């Protein structure tokens, strides 16, 4: 059973940076999709970024492109979401998600959070002065 544990959320001022971490465990595939989603109360969960583990492919959603980036440390089974120039509208609970099918990292599936099999508990990010 895949387990995902996010960390790094908190309160940050607009314009500042924050880095989220997601430690993944319990998976056997080495060709998978892993991504970040976020959700604001009353709104649909939206895809922020994802990677295909073996294919050097990273997808960043247009609404955070240029400000957010995603990286990984394979030795630690950890992926990161670096968030720069944060805005109040970035306030949300951020979730890490995993799917054993690498192709789930796609524009199509990033708009469909139900496509991913496993989810972390989420970490809250609040951007406010």
Foldseek 3Di string as FASTA:
>chain_A
DKAKAKDWADEAAAQAKTKMKIAIDDDDAQFWKKFKWWDDPPDDIATAKMAGRPPPDIDGDPVQPPFWDKDDDVVRNMIMIIGGRDDQVVWTWMKMFIANHSVCRDPVNRGPVVVTDDIYPTDTHGHHD
